[in-house]
Amino acid sequence: MNFVGPFAENQTNIHLFISNLIFATACSETLKAMDEMQGANSKLEAEGNTDALELNKLDENMFIEIMCATPIEKDA
C-alpha cells in the first residue's frame, strides 16, 4: 500500500522502530547466550576439553562480529 504525506512518514517511522526493536532483541538474546557460554567455557577449561573450548570461543567471536559489523538494515 502506498501512502502519501504524513501517512508515508508514519509508515517509515514504524518500519524503522520495528527494525530497531528486532535488532535490540536479537542483541539481548545473543548476549544472554554468550553469558551462558562463558559459564560453560569455565567448566570446559576445568575439564581440560580444549577442542570444545576452542569451538565455543570461535562461536563467541562470530556472535560479536555479527552484532557489531553487520547491522540488520544498513540504511536504517
C-alpha atoms as a PDB file:
ATOM      1  CA  MET A   1       0.000   0.000   0.000  1.00  0.00           C
ATOM      2  CA  ASN A   2       1.458   3.355  -0.989  1.00  0.00           C
ATOM      3  CA  PHE A   3       0.757   6.146   1.440  1.00  0.00           C
ATOM      4  CA  VAL A   4       1.180   9.851   0.712  1.00  0.00           C
ATOM      5  CA  GLY A   5       2.114  12.723   3.011  1.00  0.00           C
ATOM      6  CA  PRO A   6       2.160  12.215   6.776  1.00  0.00           C
ATOM      7  CA  PHE A   7       0.954   8.613   6.435  1.00  0.00           C
ATOM      8  CA  ALA A   8       4.036   7.745   4.382  1.00  0.00           C
ATOM      9  CA  GLU A   9       6.273   9.294   7.043  1.00  0.00           C
ATOM     10  CA  ASN A  10       4.461   7.365   9.776  1.00  0.00           C
ATOM     11  CA  GLN A  11       4.861   4.138   7.846  1.00  0.00           C
ATOM     12  CA  THR A  12       8.598   4.777   7.519  1.00  0.00           C
ATOM     13  CA  ASN A  13       8.874   5.541  11.238  1.00  0.00           C
ATOM     14  CA  ILE A  14       7.011   2.351  12.138  1.00  0.00           C
ATOM     15  CA  HIS A  15       9.306   0.230   9.964  1.00  0.00           C
ATOM     16  CA  LEU A  16      12.379   1.863  11.476  1.00  0.00           C
ATOM     17  CA  PHE A  17      11.063   1.360  15.026  1.00  0.00           C
ATOM     18  CA  ILE A  18      10.241  -2.310  14.421  1.00  0.00           C
ATOM     19  CA  SER A  19      13.632  -2.944  12.784  1.00  0.00           C
ATOM     20  CA  ASN A  20      15.410  -1.386  15.761  1.00  0.00           C
ATOM     21  CA  LEU A  21      13.257  -3.383  18.183  1.00  0.00           C
ATOM     22  CA  ILE A  22      14.109  -6.634  16.401  1.00  0.00           C
ATOM     23  CA  PHE A  23      17.819  -5.764  16.381  1.00  0.00           C
ATOM     24  CA  ALA A  24      17.781  -4.844  20.093  1.00  0.00           C
ATOM     25  CA  THR A  25      16.016  -8.093  20.972  1.00  0.00           C
ATOM     26  CA  ALA A  26      18.462 -10.129  18.876  1.00  0.00           C
ATOM     27  CA  CYS A  27      21.411  -8.417  20.582  1.00  0.00           C
ATOM     28  CA  SER A  28      19.940  -9.008  24.033  1.00  0.00           C
ATOM     29  CA  GLU A  29      19.355 -12.711  23.402  1.00  0.00           C
ATOM     30  CA  THR A  30      22.813 -13.103  21.869  1.00  0.00           C
ATOM     31  CA  LEU A  31      24.415 -11.526  24.935  1.00  0.00           C
ATOM     32  CA  LYS A  32      22.426 -13.904  27.176  1.00  0.00           C
ATOM     33  CA  ALA A  33      23.669 -16.874  25.129  1.00  0.00           C
ATOM     34  CA  MET A  34      27.248 -15.598  25.324  1.00  0.00           C
ATOM     35  CA  ASP A  35      26.929 -15.255  29.108  1.00  0.00           C
ATOM     36  CA  GLU A  36      25.838 -18.899  29.341  1.00  0.00           C
ATOM     37  CA  MET A  37      28.678 -19.898  27.032  1.00  0.00           C
ATOM     38  CA  GLN A  38      31.211 -18.238  29.330  1.00  0.00           C
ATOM     39  CA  GLY A  39      29.927 -20.371  32.199  1.00  0.00           C
ATOM     40  CA  ALA A  40      30.256 -23.458  30.021  1.00  0.00           C
ATOM     41  CA  ASN A  41      33.744 -22.340  28.980  1.00  0.00           C
ATOM     42  CA  SER A  42      34.950 -22.292  32.583  1.00  0.00           C
ATOM     43  CA  LYS A  43      33.638 -25.855  33.051  1.00  0.00           C
ATOM     44  CA  LEU A  44      35.300 -26.989  29.823  1.00  0.00           C
ATOM     45  CA  GLU A  45      38.545 -25.363  30.887  1.00  0.00           C
ATOM     46  CA  ALA A  46      38.419 -27.157  34.247  1.00  0.00           C
ATOM     47  CA  GLU A  47      37.789 -30.461  32.455  1.00  0.00           C
ATOM     48  CA  GLY A  48      40.653 -29.792  30.036  1.00  0.00           C
ATOM     49  CA  ASN A  49      38.407 -30.069  26.959  1.00  0.00           C
ATOM     50  CA  THR A  50      40.378 -27.746  24.682  1.00  0.00           C
ATOM     51  CA  ASP A  51      38.593 -28.726  21.451  1.00  0.00           C
ATOM     52  CA  ALA A  52      35.129 -27.745  22.705  1.00  0.00           C
ATOM     53  CA  LEU A  53      36.568 -24.640  24.366  1.00  0.00           C
ATOM     54  CA  GLU A  54      38.142 -23.529  21.091  1.00  0.00           C
ATOM     55  CA  LEU A  55      34.855 -24.054  19.231  1.00  0.00           C
ATOM     56  CA  ASN A  56      32.963 -22.017  21.826  1.00  0.00           C
ATOM     57  CA  LYS A  57      35.463 -19.173  21.532  1.00  0.00           C
ATOM     58  CA  LEU A  58      35.057 -19.211  17.737  1.00  0.00           C
ATOM     59  CA  ASP A  59      31.269 -19.049  18.188  1.00  0.00           C
ATOM     60  CA  GLU A  60      31.610 -16.115  20.596  1.00  0.00           C
ATOM     61  CA  ASN A  61      33.773 -14.234  18.095  1.00  0.00           C
ATOM     62  CA  MET A  62      31.230 -14.925  15.353  1.00  0.00           C
ATOM     63  CA  PHE A  63      28.388 -13.597  17.530  1.00  0.00           C
ATOM     64  CA  ILE A  64      30.318 -10.415  18.296  1.00  0.00           C
ATOM     65  CA  GLU A  65      31.149  -9.915  14.628  1.00  0.00           C
ATOM     66  CA  ILE A  66      27.521 -10.393  13.599  1.00  0.00           C
ATOM     67  CA  MET A  67      26.249  -7.910  16.193  1.00  0.00           C
ATOM     68  CA  CYS A  68      28.859  -5.215  15.568  1.00  0.00           C
ATOM     69  CA  ALA A  69      29.887  -5.490  11.937  1.00  0.00           C
ATOM     70  CA  THR A  70      26.701  -6.420  10.115  1.00  0.00           C
ATOM     71  CA  PRO A  71      23.588  -4.497  11.132  1.00  0.00           C
ATOM     72  CA  ILE A  72      20.209  -5.833  10.035  1.00  0.00           C
ATOM     73  CA  GLU A  73      19.443  -2.807   7.867  1.00  0.00           C
ATOM     74  CA  LYS A  74      22.452  -0.885   6.617  1.00  0.00           C
ATOM     75  CA  ASP A  75      20.361   2.130   5.518  1.00  0.00           C
ATOM     76  CA  ALA A  76      18.179   2.375   8.631  1.00  0.00           C
END
